[in-house]
Protein backbone atom coordinates (compact mmCIF):
# COMPACT_ATOMS: atom_id res chain seq x y z
CA MET A 1 32.25 -70.60 -2.39
CA VAL A 2 29.70 -70.22 -4.51
CA ASP A 3 28.86 -67.48 -2.12
CA ILE A 4 31.83 -65.64 -3.46
CA LEU A 5 31.20 -66.69 -6.99
CA ILE A 6 27.96 -65.61 -6.87
CA ALA A 7 28.80 -62.43 -5.89
CA ILE A 8 31.63 -61.86 -7.88
CA LEU A 9 29.02 -62.64 -11.00
CA VAL A 10 26.85 -59.65 -9.39
CA PHE A 11 29.83 -57.30 -8.26
CA GLY A 12 30.95 -57.98 -12.27
CA VAL A 13 27.64 -57.39 -13.94
CA ILE A 14 27.01 -54.21 -11.93
CA ILE A 15 30.66 -52.79 -13.36
CA ALA A 16 30.09 -54.38 -16.75
CA VAL A 17 26.93 -52.44 -17.28
CA HIS A 18 28.06 -49.35 -15.71
CA GLU A 19 31.65 -49.20 -18.00
CA PHE A 20 29.24 -49.74 -20.87
CA GLY A 21 27.57 -46.71 -20.24
CA HIS A 22 30.50 -44.83 -20.55
CA PHE A 23 31.62 -46.75 -23.45
CA ALA A 24 28.50 -46.89 -25.79
CA VAL A 25 27.93 -42.99 -25.03
CA ALA A 26 31.52 -42.26 -25.99
CA LYS A 27 31.62 -43.85 -29.30
CA ALA A 28 28.23 -42.47 -29.92
CA CYS A 29 30.02 -39.53 -29.54
CA GLY A 30 33.21 -39.83 -31.47
CA ILE A 31 35.40 -40.31 -28.71
CA ARG A 32 38.20 -43.07 -29.30
CA VAL A 33 37.98 -45.40 -26.38
CA ASN A 34 41.69 -47.05 -25.72
CA GLN A 35 40.73 -49.59 -23.26
CA PHE A 36 37.50 -51.09 -21.93
CA ALA A 37 38.33 -53.29 -18.59
CA ILE A 38 36.36 -55.11 -15.97
CA GLY A 39 37.99 -55.24 -12.96
CA MET A 40 41.26 -54.12 -11.64
CA GLY A 41 44.85 -55.52 -11.24
CA PRO A 42 46.46 -57.87 -13.71
CA ALA A 43 44.69 -59.00 -16.78
CA ILE A 44 43.38 -62.49 -16.80
CA PHE A 45 42.63 -62.16 -20.48
CA LYS A 46 42.23 -59.38 -23.23
CA PHE A 47 42.17 -59.09 -26.50
CA GLN A 48 41.98 -56.21 -29.33
CA ARG A 49 39.28 -55.52 -31.67
CA GLY A 50 39.51 -52.55 -33.55
CA GLU A 51 40.75 -48.80 -31.59
CA THR A 52 40.18 -50.59 -27.97
CA GLU A 53 41.79 -53.00 -25.67
CA TYR A 54 39.02 -55.23 -24.02
CA ALA A 55 40.12 -56.71 -20.49
CA LEU A 56 39.15 -59.23 -17.61
CA ARG A 57 41.05 -58.05 -14.43
CA LEU A 58 41.90 -59.93 -11.65
CA LEU A 59 40.16 -57.99 -8.45
CA PRO A 60 36.32 -57.24 -9.07
CA ILE A 61 36.50 -54.57 -7.27
CA GLY A 62 36.32 -51.31 -10.24
CA GLY A 63 36.84 -51.11 -13.82
CA TYR A 64 37.47 -48.32 -16.32
CA CYS A 65 36.95 -46.89 -19.70
CA ALA A 66 40.42 -45.24 -21.14
CA MET A 67 39.28 -42.34 -23.31
CA GLU A 68 41.90 -40.67 -25.41
CA GLY A 69 43.11 -37.42 -23.82
CA GLU A 70 40.59 -38.01 -20.89
CA ASP A 71 43.40 -37.18 -18.06
CA SER A 72 46.09 -35.50 -20.64
CA GLU A 73 46.63 -33.72 -23.60
CA SER A 74 46.39 -35.17 -27.08
CA THR A 75 46.38 -34.12 -30.51
CA ASP A 76 43.96 -36.74 -31.61
CA ASP A 77 40.34 -34.90 -33.10
CA ARG A 78 38.72 -37.57 -31.30
CA ALA A 79 40.15 -37.53 -27.97
CA PHE A 80 37.67 -36.56 -24.76
CA ARG A 81 38.73 -33.41 -24.07
CA LYS A 82 38.35 -32.45 -27.60
CA LYS A 83 34.42 -32.78 -27.65
CA SER A 84 31.63 -30.36 -26.51
CA VAL A 85 30.86 -30.08 -22.76
CA PRO A 86 27.67 -31.67 -23.38
CA LYS A 87 29.04 -34.40 -24.81
CA ARG A 88 31.68 -35.04 -22.00
CA ILE A 89 28.87 -34.68 -19.64
CA ALA A 90 26.77 -37.28 -21.13
CA VAL A 91 29.68 -40.00 -21.03
CA VAL A 92 30.50 -39.10 -17.57
CA VAL A 93 26.90 -39.41 -16.61
CA ALA A 94 26.14 -42.59 -18.68
CA GLY A 95 27.93 -44.77 -16.25
CA ALA A 96 25.65 -44.13 -13.49
CA ALA A 97 22.47 -43.59 -15.56
CA MET A 98 23.15 -47.40 -16.78
CA ASN A 99 23.65 -48.54 -13.08
CA LEU A 100 20.00 -46.88 -12.27
CA LEU A 101 18.65 -48.05 -15.31
CA LEU A 102 19.58 -51.34 -14.31
CA GLY A 103 18.26 -51.01 -10.91
CA PHE A 104 15.03 -50.40 -12.47
CA VAL A 105 15.10 -53.47 -14.31
CA LEU A 106 15.47 -55.56 -11.53
CA VAL A 107 13.24 -54.16 -9.37
CA LEU A 108 11.11 -54.92 -12.22
CA ILE A 109 11.72 -58.49 -12.14
CA THR A 110 11.54 -58.76 -8.62
CA THR A 111 7.64 -57.44 -9.09
CA CYS A 112 6.59 -59.53 -11.56
CA LEU A 113 8.15 -62.79 -9.39
CA SER A 114 5.67 -61.43 -6.58
CA ASP A 115 2.22 -62.83 -6.26
CA LEU A 116 0.98 -59.30 -5.77
CA VAL A 117 1.79 -55.75 -6.44
CA PRO A 118 2.46 -53.86 -2.76
CA SER A 119 -0.41 -50.71 -1.72
CA THR A 120 0.15 -48.72 1.15
CA THR A 121 -3.11 -49.07 1.84
CA ILE A 122 -4.12 -50.39 5.40
CA SER A 123 -6.25 -53.97 4.69
CA ARG A 124 -6.45 -54.94 8.14
CA PHE A 125 -5.16 -54.97 11.72
CA HIS A 126 -3.09 -57.64 13.75
CA LYS A 127 -5.48 -59.25 16.26
CA ASP A 128 -4.87 -61.90 18.81
CA ASP A 129 -5.88 -65.19 18.87
CA ALA A 130 -9.16 -64.33 20.22
CA GLY A 131 -9.81 -61.52 17.25
CA ASN A 132 -8.83 -58.46 19.91
CA SER A 133 -7.07 -55.82 18.08
CA VAL A 134 -3.24 -55.83 18.89
CA ALA A 135 -2.69 -52.71 16.83
CA THR A 136 -1.94 -49.31 18.32
CA SER A 137 -2.08 -47.37 15.28
CA GLU A 138 -5.79 -48.32 15.23
CA GLN A 139 -6.13 -46.77 18.47
CA CYS A 140 -5.02 -43.72 17.28
CA GLY A 141 -7.22 -43.10 14.37
CA LEU A 142 -5.73 -45.56 11.13
CA GLN A 143 -8.82 -47.25 9.30
CA VAL A 144 -8.88 -50.16 7.25
CA ASP A 145 -8.89 -48.73 3.57
CA ASP A 146 -6.74 -45.80 4.47
CA LYS A 147 -3.87 -45.05 2.09
CA ILE A 148 -0.86 -43.95 3.44
CA LEU A 149 0.65 -40.51 1.59
CA SER A 150 3.42 -39.57 4.01
CA ILE A 151 4.61 -40.07 7.49
CA ASN A 152 6.31 -37.57 9.42
CA GLY A 153 6.32 -35.23 6.19
CA MET A 154 8.18 -37.91 3.99
CA ARG A 155 6.11 -38.85 1.01
CA VAL A 156 5.13 -42.42 0.88
CA PHE A 157 5.86 -43.69 -2.52
CA THR A 158 5.67 -47.68 -1.67
CA ASP A 159 5.20 -50.11 1.17
CA GLY A 160 9.06 -50.12 1.41
CA ASP A 161 9.04 -46.64 2.34
CA ILE A 162 6.64 -47.31 5.08
CA SER A 163 8.77 -50.23 6.29
CA TYR A 164 11.53 -47.99 6.47
CA LYS A 165 10.27 -45.44 8.27
CA LEU A 166 8.78 -47.52 11.05
CA SER A 167 12.09 -49.36 11.34
CA TYR A 168 14.78 -46.49 11.32
CA THR A 169 12.84 -43.57 13.37
CA GLU A 170 13.61 -43.39 17.14
CA ASP A 171 10.48 -41.44 18.19
CA PRO A 172 7.72 -43.54 19.12
CA THR A 173 4.73 -41.22 17.77
CA PHE A 174 4.54 -40.48 14.23
CA ASP A 175 2.45 -37.48 12.04
CA LEU A 176 0.38 -39.19 8.93
CA VAL A 177 -1.42 -38.16 5.67
CA VAL A 178 -3.63 -40.94 4.31
CA GLU A 179 -6.73 -40.60 1.78
CA ARG A 180 -9.76 -41.67 3.07
CA ASN A 181 -12.85 -41.61 1.22
CA GLY A 182 -10.89 -39.34 -1.46
CA GLU A 183 -10.13 -36.90 0.95
CA LYS A 184 -6.62 -35.95 2.76
CA VAL A 185 -6.83 -36.64 6.47
CA THR A 186 -3.73 -35.56 8.93
CA LEU A 187 -3.37 -37.94 11.72
CA ASN A 188 -0.99 -36.98 14.66
CA ASP A 189 0.95 -38.57 17.42
CA VAL A 190 0.14 -42.33 15.70
CA THR A 191 1.73 -45.09 17.84
CA PHE A 192 2.80 -48.25 15.29
CA LEU A 193 3.18 -51.33 17.82
CA ASN A 194 1.97 -55.01 18.01
CA THR A 195 0.86 -55.26 21.61
CA LYS A 196 1.56 -59.01 21.13
CA THR A 197 4.50 -59.51 19.00
CA GLU A 198 6.24 -55.57 20.36
CA GLY A 199 6.94 -55.04 16.58
CA ARG A 200 5.74 -51.42 14.88
CA LEU A 201 4.27 -53.14 11.26
CA ASP A 202 1.07 -53.97 13.30
CA PHE A 203 -1.39 -53.64 10.18
CA GLY A 204 -1.57 -55.36 6.73
CA ILE A 205 -1.86 -54.05 3.21
CA TYR A 206 -3.43 -54.68 0.13
CA GLY A 207 -1.94 -56.47 -2.84
CA TYR A 208 -3.39 -56.08 -6.27
CA GLU A 209 -3.43 -58.55 -9.28
CA LYS A 210 -0.24 -57.87 -11.36
CA THR A 211 -1.07 -55.81 -14.67
CA PRO A 212 1.75 -54.61 -16.90
CA LEU A 213 0.37 -50.90 -15.74
CA ASN A 214 0.78 -51.37 -12.21
CA VAL A 215 4.10 -53.26 -12.21
CA LEU A 216 5.20 -50.71 -14.29
CA SER A 217 4.41 -47.88 -12.16
CA TYR A 218 5.03 -50.16 -8.85
CA SER A 219 8.72 -50.55 -10.36
CA PHE A 220 9.66 -47.06 -11.36
CA ARG A 221 8.15 -45.97 -7.79
CA GLU A 222 10.45 -48.78 -5.86
CA THR A 223 13.11 -47.32 -7.81
CA ILE A 224 12.92 -43.91 -6.55
CA SER A 225 12.42 -45.23 -2.97
CA ILE A 226 15.64 -47.04 -2.73
CA GLY A 227 17.30 -44.32 -4.26
CA ARG A 228 15.84 -41.41 -1.82
CA MET A 229 17.07 -44.38 1.34
CA ILE A 230 20.45 -44.33 0.23
CA TRP A 231 20.52 -40.34 0.11
CA MET A 232 19.39 -40.74 3.45
CA SER A 233 21.54 -43.02 4.99
CA LEU A 234 24.67 -40.59 2.93
CA PHE A 235 22.99 -37.53 4.95
CA ASP A 236 22.88 -39.66 8.08
CA LEU A 237 26.12 -40.57 7.95
CA ILE A 238 27.16 -37.16 6.96
CA THR A 239 25.63 -36.00 10.00
CA GLY A 240 27.14 -38.76 12.52
CA LYS A 241 23.95 -40.47 12.94
CA TYR A 242 25.84 -43.61 11.55
CA GLY A 243 29.28 -44.20 12.43
CA PHE A 244 32.53 -45.95 10.61
CA HIS A 245 31.57 -49.29 11.85
CA ASP A 246 28.32 -49.15 10.65
CA LEU A 247 30.21 -49.02 6.61
CA SER A 248 30.20 -52.20 4.32
CA GLY A 249 33.15 -53.07 1.92
CA PRO A 250 33.86 -55.92 -0.38
CA VAL A 251 33.76 -58.80 2.59
CA GLY A 252 30.28 -57.22 4.06
CA ILE A 253 28.88 -57.10 0.93
CA VAL A 254 30.08 -60.63 -0.22
CA THR A 255 28.78 -61.91 3.12
CA ALA A 256 25.11 -60.37 2.12
CA ILE A 257 24.95 -61.19 -1.42
CA GLY A 258 25.69 -64.81 0.24
CA ASP A 259 23.36 -64.31 2.78
CA ALA A 260 20.60 -63.51 0.13
CA ALA A 261 21.59 -65.93 -2.52
CA SER A 262 21.36 -68.71 -0.03
CA THR A 263 17.73 -67.93 1.23
CA GLY A 264 14.71 -69.91 0.69
CA THR A 265 14.57 -73.51 -0.81
CA THR A 266 13.42 -73.05 -4.68
CA ILE A 267 15.04 -71.11 -7.42
CA LYS A 268 12.75 -68.68 -7.12
CA GLN A 269 12.73 -67.82 -3.89
CA HIS A 270 16.45 -67.00 -4.34
CA LEU A 271 16.05 -64.77 -6.88
CA GLN A 272 13.31 -62.94 -4.93
CA SER A 273 15.87 -62.47 -2.20
CA LEU A 274 19.24 -62.39 -4.43
CA ILE A 275 17.89 -59.57 -6.76
CA PRO A 276 16.58 -57.20 -4.63
CA MET A 277 19.53 -56.96 -3.24
CA MET A 278 21.13 -56.65 -6.57
CA SER A 279 18.94 -54.00 -7.42
CA MET A 280 20.07 -52.50 -3.84
CA ILE A 281 23.92 -52.28 -4.59
CA THR A 282 23.21 -51.22 -8.29
CA ILE A 283 21.47 -47.74 -7.79
CA ASN A 284 23.78 -47.09 -4.67
CA VAL A 285 26.49 -47.63 -6.97
CA GLY A 286 24.97 -45.34 -9.44
CA ILE A 287 23.90 -42.43 -7.02
CA PHE A 288 27.53 -42.53 -5.04
CA ASN A 289 29.57 -42.28 -8.49
CA LEU A 290 27.63 -38.85 -8.77
CA LEU A 291 29.09 -37.67 -5.31
CA PRO A 292 31.29 -34.90 -6.11
CA LEU A 293 34.23 -36.42 -5.07
CA PRO A 294 37.46 -36.70 -6.88
CA ALA A 295 37.84 -39.86 -8.88
CA LEU A 296 34.27 -40.13 -9.22
CA ASP A 297 32.05 -39.34 -11.93
CA GLY A 298 30.59 -36.59 -10.15
CA GLY A 299 33.86 -35.30 -9.58
CA ARG A 300 34.77 -35.17 -13.48
CA LEU A 301 30.87 -33.74 -13.47
CA ILE A 302 32.28 -30.19 -10.92
CA PHE A 303 34.90 -29.71 -13.82
CA LEU A 304 32.81 -29.68 -16.81
CA ILE A 305 30.65 -27.93 -14.95
CA VAL A 306 33.51 -25.51 -14.04
CA GLU A 307 34.41 -25.49 -17.32
CA ALA A 308 30.69 -24.53 -18.96
CA ILE A 309 30.40 -21.65 -16.47
CA ARG A 310 34.01 -19.78 -16.62
CA ARG A 311 34.40 -21.41 -20.58
CA LYS A 312 38.15 -22.46 -19.73
CA PRO A 313 38.72 -25.87 -18.90
CA VAL A 314 41.18 -26.86 -16.02
CA LYS A 315 44.46 -28.14 -16.94
CA PRO A 316 44.69 -31.84 -17.69
CA GLU A 317 47.53 -32.40 -15.42
CA HIS A 318 45.94 -30.49 -12.66
CA GLU A 319 42.36 -32.27 -13.05
CA GLY A 320 44.33 -35.60 -12.95
CA LEU A 321 46.36 -35.02 -9.73
CA VAL A 322 43.13 -34.40 -7.96
CA HIS A 323 41.31 -37.71 -9.35
CA ILE A 324 44.62 -39.80 -8.46
CA ILE A 325 44.91 -38.04 -5.44
CA GLY A 326 41.20 -39.21 -4.73
CA LEU A 327 41.81 -42.27 -5.66
CA VAL A 328 44.29 -43.10 -3.13
CA LEU A 329 42.03 -42.22 -0.54
CA LEU A 330 39.00 -43.78 -1.89
CA PHE A 331 41.34 -46.91 -1.76
CA VAL A 332 42.49 -46.43 1.80
CA LEU A 333 38.48 -46.01 2.69
CA MET A 334 38.28 -49.35 0.89
CA ILE A 335 41.29 -51.07 2.96
CA ALA A 336 39.83 -49.68 6.54
CA VAL A 337 35.97 -50.67 5.55
CA THR A 338 37.85 -54.00 4.80
CA PHE A 339 39.71 -54.27 7.80
CA ASN A 340 35.93 -53.71 9.47
CA ASP A 341 34.17 -56.31 7.88
CA ILE A 342 36.93 -58.74 9.21
CA LYS A 343 36.84 -57.74 12.26
CA ASN A 344 33.01 -58.05 12.92
CA LEU A 345 32.97 -61.12 10.82
CA ILE A 346 35.61 -62.36 13.67
CA ALA A 347 33.76 -60.89 16.83
């Protein structure tokens, strides 16, 4: 039960931040906001303040910021469609931007909770009890103090990029570019294998003392890395590397959040596990909402770009129909993924 409450709180914060982005920018642009809701379905409670009704709804699976004239014609001078295209674009992308900003803040908190700031520089190679190297990457030419710059052409921003690339690449060998003594060195056909544990991570990296500058720098780069990993995962899904059974819906995410929240024995350890999961989810929400799909912010952005190009808006009833169809399809997908989550839990 506690896990479910934590998951609801996590979803609630992420949704609230997203919708607040739309709300705040809409208000700043002089747009009338009729409703601001967190959750979907029946209202648990609601109240009116000024021109806007605020509501907390039963199902923590979404939310909305209902603006005057968003999907229909309106004679109100403060209607969404009465504003300039740049202002409407700002309102549309503000939700995703707030999710990405929240992701950065959460990564920053995680970094502050860490004892050291991770690097991408080799500090040692794993050895057996007799002191002999069990790292095949050392035998392939990798050296202590090498700073890994790229793996198989992918630029390395943080240690998370190294872990991701080594974990999800099926090829046994890798092409690396490292910085060695101030110069770039290319290493081809490098094999990563700890011959004792059979794991691919056969080396350690340096950790540096925390300073305001390196904490900010690492957090920014790690946020970029997480976003790139999400894009790469979406591409793998589209190209068929991952199938429908690999998707997780609300049930799967609640389970993952519960597992993260229960990891460790101290409050700090719980937070060090939960906050990275939360940062991953909010960055995912931000990126997913910018996809050019109906009912998503990215779909609305496409209509605004078309309007800017042709200097004529699409009829609101036509755009609204497209978004309704998209919303229905998203709900169908959510239901299907939820059944898949339940099946995986039972199996």
